[in-house]
Amino acid sequence: MDSLIDSLSTLYKEAFWQSWMPKLFTGLLIFLAFWIGSSLITAVIRRWAKTLDPQRQQVFMLLATCIHVALIVVGVVTVLGSLGLNVSALITSLGLSGLALSLAVKDTLSNIMGGLMLFIYQPFRVGDYIKVNEKSLSTSLEGTVTHLTLRYIYLEGEMGQILVPNASLLTNSIVIFKTPPADTQ
């Protein structure tokens, strides 16, 4: 009886390796191809970004990281599909999770996208005196730009430091003064 169990066990192990080894090897090659491809694309973007000014470098470094992560995720899903797993439920759950997350952080994402647009188009620079006409506040915010981030710009105004969300810079009008008004000097 023991010899029968041993022979069935050996047969099962051999059948397992014969059916799964090609799939595992194919999956490993697919993942390796995605890893190398994403690394090459990321390296090209990062090398090109180093030729830009420091503010724009941040944008393209962030873009390179996002592309790298996205390609690795697509590679993992492709490998799982090549192994014979049903990935449609995984893709659906990733899509729904992404939707829920994006709705939860909508304002933060709009500020980050506004920051990216400001870094790319650079309508003003650090040291410029600007005035932002806030529709929602029925007022305007003005001051000298001291710092730019992906979420806020920092203005130094007569009342102190003002943080202006980048999303409001995309939806409101901005006046960029060549020289600061006389009453602020």
Protein backbone atom coordinates (compact mmCIF):
# COMPACT_ATOMS: atom_id res chain seq x y z
CA MET A 1 0.00 0.00 0.00
CA ASP A 2 2.85 2.35 0.85
CA SER A 3 4.47 1.74 -2.53
CA LEU A 4 1.17 2.66 -4.25
CA ILE A 5 0.97 5.93 -2.30
CA ASP A 6 4.62 6.67 -3.06
CA SER A 7 4.15 6.03 -6.77
CA LEU A 8 0.97 8.18 -6.88
CA SER A 9 2.77 10.92 -4.99
CA THR A 10 5.70 10.79 -7.40
CA LEU A 11 3.33 10.80 -10.38
CA TYR A 12 1.45 13.78 -8.93
CA LYS A 13 4.68 15.70 -8.32
CA GLU A 14 5.93 14.98 -11.83
CA ALA A 15 2.59 15.97 -13.37
CA PHE A 16 2.55 19.14 -11.30
CA TRP A 17 6.00 20.20 -12.40
CA GLN A 18 5.36 19.23 -16.02
CA SER A 19 2.21 21.35 -16.18
CA TRP A 20 3.34 24.30 -14.06
CA MET A 21 7.01 24.72 -14.99
CA PRO A 22 6.33 26.16 -18.46
CA LYS A 23 3.73 28.53 -16.98
CA LEU A 24 6.06 29.67 -14.21
CA PHE A 25 8.92 30.16 -16.65
CA THR A 26 6.67 32.13 -19.02
CA GLY A 27 5.38 34.23 -16.13
CA LEU A 28 8.92 34.97 -14.97
CA LEU A 29 9.94 36.04 -18.49
CA ILE A 30 6.87 38.29 -18.81
CA PHE A 31 7.54 39.94 -15.45
CA LEU A 32 11.21 40.39 -16.33
CA ALA A 33 10.24 42.02 -19.63
CA PHE A 34 7.89 44.44 -17.86
CA TRP A 35 10.54 45.21 -15.21
CA ILE A 36 13.25 45.90 -17.78
CA GLY A 37 10.88 47.94 -19.95
CA SER A 38 9.69 50.07 -17.05
CA SER A 39 13.25 50.56 -15.82
CA LEU A 40 14.41 51.68 -19.26
CA ILE A 41 11.51 54.11 -19.68
CA THR A 42 12.06 55.47 -16.17
CA ALA A 43 15.79 55.90 -16.79
CA VAL A 44 15.17 57.77 -20.05
CA ILE A 45 12.65 60.12 -18.40
CA ARG A 46 14.93 60.75 -15.40
CA ARG A 47 17.96 61.41 -17.60
CA TRP A 48 15.96 63.82 -19.73
CA ALA A 49 14.53 65.51 -16.61
CA LYS A 50 18.05 66.29 -15.36
CA THR A 51 18.46 68.66 -18.32
CA LEU A 52 15.49 70.74 -17.11
CA ASP A 53 15.35 73.34 -14.38
CA PRO A 54 14.89 72.00 -10.82
CA GLN A 55 11.16 72.80 -10.58
CA ARG A 56 10.32 70.88 -13.72
CA GLN A 57 12.60 68.02 -12.64
CA GLN A 58 10.21 67.26 -9.77
CA VAL A 59 7.30 66.86 -12.17
CA PHE A 60 9.11 64.46 -14.46
CA MET A 61 10.61 62.46 -11.59
CA LEU A 62 7.07 61.99 -10.24
CA LEU A 63 5.89 61.01 -13.72
CA ALA A 64 8.73 58.48 -14.07
CA THR A 65 7.84 56.89 -10.73
CA CYS A 66 4.13 56.69 -11.65
CA ILE A 67 4.96 55.06 -15.00
CA HIS A 68 7.29 52.56 -13.30
CA VAL A 69 4.64 51.55 -10.74
CA ALA A 70 1.89 51.34 -13.38
CA LEU A 71 3.98 49.11 -15.66
CA ILE A 72 4.91 46.81 -12.77
CA VAL A 73 1.23 46.47 -11.78
CA VAL A 74 0.27 45.69 -15.40
CA GLY A 75 3.14 43.18 -15.51
CA VAL A 76 1.96 41.41 -12.34
CA VAL A 77 -1.62 41.21 -13.65
CA THR A 78 -0.32 39.86 -16.98
CA VAL A 79 1.76 37.23 -15.19
CA LEU A 80 -1.23 36.14 -13.11
CA GLY A 81 -3.26 35.83 -16.31
CA SER A 82 -0.52 33.76 -17.97
CA LEU A 83 -0.54 31.41 -14.97
CA GLY A 84 -4.17 30.66 -15.73
CA LEU A 85 -5.74 32.72 -12.97
CA ASN A 86 -8.91 34.67 -13.67
CA VAL A 87 -7.76 38.28 -13.35
CA SER A 88 -11.03 39.96 -14.32
CA ALA A 89 -12.15 40.14 -10.68
CA LEU A 90 -8.75 41.56 -9.69
CA ILE A 91 -8.92 44.21 -12.42
CA THR A 92 -12.48 45.09 -11.42
CA SER A 93 -11.53 45.45 -7.76
CA LEU A 94 -8.49 47.57 -8.66
CA GLY A 95 -10.70 49.81 -10.77
CA LEU A 96 -13.31 50.21 -8.05
CA SER A 97 -10.63 50.82 -5.43
CA GLY A 98 -9.06 53.46 -7.66
CA LEU A 99 -12.42 55.14 -8.15
CA ALA A 100 -13.17 55.18 -4.41
CA LEU A 101 -9.69 56.48 -3.61
CA SER A 102 -9.84 59.20 -6.24
CA LEU A 103 -13.24 60.39 -4.97
CA ALA A 104 -11.90 60.44 -1.41
CA VAL A 105 -8.87 62.55 -2.28
CA LYS A 106 -10.42 64.64 -5.05
CA ASP A 107 -9.36 68.00 -3.63
CA THR A 108 -5.82 66.87 -2.95
CA LEU A 109 -5.54 65.44 -6.48
CA SER A 110 -6.87 68.67 -7.98
CA ASN A 111 -4.23 70.63 -6.03
CA ILE A 112 -1.49 68.24 -7.18
CA MET A 113 -2.65 68.47 -10.79
CA GLY A 114 -2.74 72.25 -10.43
CA GLY A 115 0.81 72.11 -9.08
CA LEU A 116 1.92 70.00 -12.02
CA MET A 117 0.39 72.51 -14.44
CA LEU A 118 2.14 75.37 -12.62
CA PHE A 119 5.48 73.54 -12.74
CA ILE A 120 5.09 72.76 -16.43
CA TYR A 121 3.76 76.12 -17.70
CA GLN A 122 5.42 78.36 -15.08
CA PRO A 123 3.21 81.44 -15.44
CA PHE A 124 5.14 82.98 -12.53
CA ARG A 125 8.28 82.24 -10.58
CA VAL A 126 9.56 82.57 -7.02
CA GLY A 127 10.03 86.28 -6.34
CA ASP A 128 7.15 87.45 -8.57
CA TYR A 129 4.40 89.56 -7.04
CA ILE A 130 0.97 88.11 -7.89
CA LYS A 131 -2.67 88.74 -7.10
CA VAL A 132 -5.16 85.84 -7.13
CA ASN A 133 -8.81 86.88 -7.48
CA GLU A 134 -10.66 84.33 -5.33
CA LYS A 135 -14.24 83.99 -6.62
CA SER A 136 -15.33 81.81 -3.70
CA LEU A 137 -14.04 84.32 -1.12
CA SER A 138 -15.12 87.43 -3.09
CA THR A 139 -11.69 88.84 -2.37
CA SER A 140 -8.18 88.67 -3.67
CA LEU A 141 -5.00 87.26 -2.22
CA GLU A 142 -1.76 88.96 -3.11
CA GLY A 143 1.86 88.81 -2.24
CA THR A 144 5.32 87.80 -3.33
CA VAL A 145 5.73 84.13 -4.28
CA THR A 146 8.22 82.62 -1.83
CA HIS A 147 7.81 78.91 -2.43
CA LEU A 148 6.07 76.53 -4.87
CA THR A 149 5.01 72.97 -3.99
CA LEU A 150 2.75 70.44 -5.65
CA ARG A 151 -0.08 71.36 -3.27
CA TYR A 152 0.31 75.08 -2.44
CA ILE A 153 2.08 78.24 -3.40
CA TYR A 154 3.33 80.36 -0.54
CA LEU A 155 2.81 84.11 -0.76
CA GLU A 156 4.37 86.64 1.56
CA GLY A 157 1.73 89.36 1.92
CA GLU A 158 1.33 92.39 4.13
CA MET A 159 -0.56 90.32 6.73
CA GLY A 160 1.97 87.49 6.73
CA GLN A 161 2.39 84.22 4.87
CA ILE A 162 -0.53 83.02 2.72
CA LEU A 163 -0.93 79.46 1.44
CA VAL A 164 -2.92 79.34 -1.79
CA PRO A 165 -4.10 75.90 -3.00
CA ASN A 166 -2.91 75.24 -6.53
CA ALA A 167 -6.39 74.23 -7.69
CA SER A 168 -7.64 77.75 -7.04
CA LEU A 169 -4.87 79.13 -9.25
CA LEU A 170 -6.28 77.16 -12.18
CA THR A 171 -9.87 78.31 -11.68
CA ASN A 172 -9.33 81.95 -10.72
CA SER A 173 -7.70 84.81 -12.54
CA ILE A 174 -4.14 85.74 -11.63
CA VAL A 175 -2.49 89.12 -12.06
CA ILE A 176 1.30 88.95 -12.31
CA PHE A 177 2.87 92.33 -11.60
CA LYS A 178 6.10 93.32 -13.31
CA THR A 179 6.91 95.36 -10.22
CA PRO A 180 5.04 95.17 -6.92
CA PRO A 181 2.45 97.91 -6.38
CA ALA A 182 3.87 100.98 -4.60
CA ASP A 183 1.82 100.48 -1.42
CA THR A 184 3.37 97.02 -0.82
CA GLN A 185 7.04 98.03 -1.13
